[in-house]
Amino acid sequence: EERSQSFNGVANIGYRPTIDKQPSTEPVLEVHLLDFEGDLYGERLELEFEARLRGEKRFGSIDELKIQIASDIREARERLQTC
């Protein structure tokens, strides 16, 4: 059964340099859907990219990364309202 719902979100495609001490040799895709609650593990998703917010960066701590992600989410919400 196919569902055709759309959700806004933010994504990271990269090597997780702040999280992984030995970054992967393969990029990882992580997506955070905004205002979504539920379990999508094992589900097939289709992504459509609207804009690039910033490049990948190593942060000094997980807390610095969390602050940046919150900022990225605010910026994404602003940009997505104008699309």
C-alpha atoms as a PDB file:
ATOM      1  CA  GLU A   1       0.000   0.000   0.000  1.00  0.00           C
ATOM      2  CA  GLU A   2       1.521   3.317  -1.072  1.00  0.00           C
ATOM      3  CA  ARG A   3       1.135   6.482   0.947  1.00  0.00           C
ATOM      4  CA  SER A   4       1.470   9.838  -0.742  1.00  0.00           C
ATOM      5  CA  GLN A   5       2.164  12.238   2.090  1.00  0.00           C
ATOM      6  CA  SER A   6       4.694  15.058   1.988  1.00  0.00           C
ATOM      7  CA  PHE A   7       6.747  16.408   4.873  1.00  0.00           C
ATOM      8  CA  ASN A   8       9.328  19.151   5.069  1.00  0.00           C
ATOM      9  CA  GLY A   9      12.665  18.271   6.558  1.00  0.00           C
ATOM     10  CA  VAL A  10      16.394  18.768   6.707  1.00  0.00           C
ATOM     11  CA  ALA A  11      18.967  16.307   5.474  1.00  0.00           C
ATOM     12  CA  ASN A  12      22.659  15.698   5.830  1.00  0.00           C
ATOM     13  CA  ILE A  13      24.685  13.813   3.276  1.00  0.00           C
ATOM     14  CA  GLY A  14      28.179  13.327   4.556  1.00  0.00           C
ATOM     15  CA  TYR A  15      30.651  11.509   6.722  1.00  0.00           C
ATOM     16  CA  ARG A  16      29.511  12.526  10.250  1.00  0.00           C
ATOM     17  CA  PRO A  17      32.903  13.961  11.281  1.00  0.00           C
ATOM     18  CA  THR A  18      31.663  15.152  14.689  1.00  0.00           C
ATOM     19  CA  ILE A  19      29.950  11.855  15.581  1.00  0.00           C
ATOM     20  CA  ASP A  20      32.290   9.239  14.158  1.00  0.00           C
ATOM     21  CA  LYS A  21      35.939   9.227  15.262  1.00  0.00           C
ATOM     22  CA  GLN A  22      36.729   7.204  12.138  1.00  0.00           C
ATOM     23  CA  PRO A  23      34.529   8.794   9.456  1.00  0.00           C
ATOM     24  CA  SER A  24      33.004   6.368   7.004  1.00  0.00           C
ATOM     25  CA  THR A  25      34.470   6.032   3.541  1.00  0.00           C
ATOM     26  CA  GLU A  26      30.898   6.042   2.232  1.00  0.00           C
ATOM     27  CA  PRO A  27      28.642   9.061   2.743  1.00  0.00           C
ATOM     28  CA  VAL A  28      25.636   8.640   5.025  1.00  0.00           C
ATOM     29  CA  LEU A  29      22.209  10.187   4.380  1.00  0.00           C
ATOM     30  CA  GLU A  30      20.335  11.340   7.478  1.00  0.00           C
ATOM     31  CA  VAL A  31      16.928  13.026   7.232  1.00  0.00           C
ATOM     32  CA  HIS A  32      14.949  14.783   9.954  1.00  0.00           C
ATOM     33  CA  LEU A  33      11.296  15.301   9.037  1.00  0.00           C
ATOM     34  CA  LEU A  34       9.851  18.447  10.561  1.00  0.00           C
ATOM     35  CA  ASP A  35       6.674  18.119  12.620  1.00  0.00           C
ATOM     36  CA  PHE A  36       6.473  14.359  12.091  1.00  0.00           C
ATOM     37  CA  GLU A  37       5.926  11.730  14.736  1.00  0.00           C
ATOM     38  CA  GLY A  38       6.039   8.102  13.823  1.00  0.00           C
ATOM     39  CA  ASP A  39       8.235   5.219  12.793  1.00  0.00           C
ATOM     40  CA  LEU A  40       9.432   5.040   9.200  1.00  0.00           C
ATOM     41  CA  TYR A  41      12.182   2.465   9.662  1.00  0.00           C
ATOM     42  CA  GLY A  42      12.037   0.000   6.799  1.00  0.00           C
ATOM     43  CA  GLU A  43       9.854   2.317   4.716  1.00  0.00           C
ATOM     44  CA  ARG A  44      10.846   3.589   1.281  1.00  0.00           C
ATOM     45  CA  LEU A  45      11.008   7.375   1.024  1.00  0.00           C
ATOM     46  CA  GLU A  46      11.437   9.724  -1.900  1.00  0.00           C
ATOM     47  CA  LEU A  47      13.385  12.909  -1.244  1.00  0.00           C
ATOM     48  CA  GLU A  48      13.267  16.170  -3.123  1.00  0.00           C
ATOM     49  CA  PHE A  49      15.998  18.675  -2.319  1.00  0.00           C
ATOM     50  CA  GLU A  50      15.040  22.366  -2.396  1.00  0.00           C
ATOM     51  CA  ALA A  51      18.232  24.138  -1.308  1.00  0.00           C
ATOM     52  CA  ARG A  52      21.638  23.603   0.231  1.00  0.00           C
ATOM     53  CA  LEU A  53      22.045  25.307   3.592  1.00  0.00           C
ATOM     54  CA  ARG A  54      25.742  24.701   4.274  1.00  0.00           C
ATOM     55  CA  GLY A  55      28.677  22.380   3.805  1.00  0.00           C
ATOM     56  CA  GLU A  56      29.734  19.667   6.214  1.00  0.00           C
ATOM     57  CA  LYS A  57      31.783  20.768   9.210  1.00  0.00           C
ATOM     58  CA  ARG A  58      33.418  19.112  12.213  1.00  0.00           C
ATOM     59  CA  PHE A  59      32.144  20.647  15.453  1.00  0.00           C
ATOM     60  CA  GLY A  60      34.082  20.761  18.713  1.00  0.00           C
ATOM     61  CA  SER A  61      31.340  18.941  20.616  1.00  0.00           C
ATOM     62  CA  ILE A  62      27.965  17.282  20.238  1.00  0.00           C
ATOM     63  CA  ASP A  63      26.394  20.323  21.940  1.00  0.00           C
ATOM     64  CA  GLU A  64      27.848  22.644  19.266  1.00  0.00           C
ATOM     65  CA  LEU A  65      26.460  20.310  16.598  1.00  0.00           C
ATOM     66  CA  LYS A  66      23.001  20.370  18.242  1.00  0.00           C
ATOM     67  CA  ILE A  67      23.028  24.183  18.282  1.00  0.00           C
ATOM     68  CA  GLN A  68      23.925  24.251  14.580  1.00  0.00           C
ATOM     69  CA  ILE A  69      21.225  21.712  13.715  1.00  0.00           C
ATOM     70  CA  ALA A  70      18.629  23.853  15.540  1.00  0.00           C
ATOM     71  CA  SER A  71      19.819  26.846  13.502  1.00  0.00           C
ATOM     72  CA  ASP A  72      19.638  24.789  10.289  1.00  0.00           C
ATOM     73  CA  ILE A  73      16.073  23.769  11.115  1.00  0.00           C
ATOM     74  CA  ARG A  74      15.048  27.400  11.704  1.00  0.00           C
ATOM     75  CA  GLU A  75      16.609  28.424   8.379  1.00  0.00           C
ATOM     76  CA  ALA A  76      14.969  25.514   6.554  1.00  0.00           C
ATOM     77  CA  ARG A  77      11.537  26.424   7.971  1.00  0.00           C
ATOM     78  CA  GLU A  78      12.001  30.027   6.788  1.00  0.00           C
ATOM     79  CA  ARG A  79      13.093  28.970   3.303  1.00  0.00           C
ATOM     80  CA  LEU A  80      10.381  26.342   2.941  1.00  0.00           C
ATOM     81  CA  GLN A  81       7.656  28.892   3.795  1.00  0.00           C
ATOM     82  CA  THR A  82       8.648  30.879   0.701  1.00  0.00           C
ATOM     83  CA  CYS A  83       8.699  27.883  -1.689  1.00  0.00           C
END
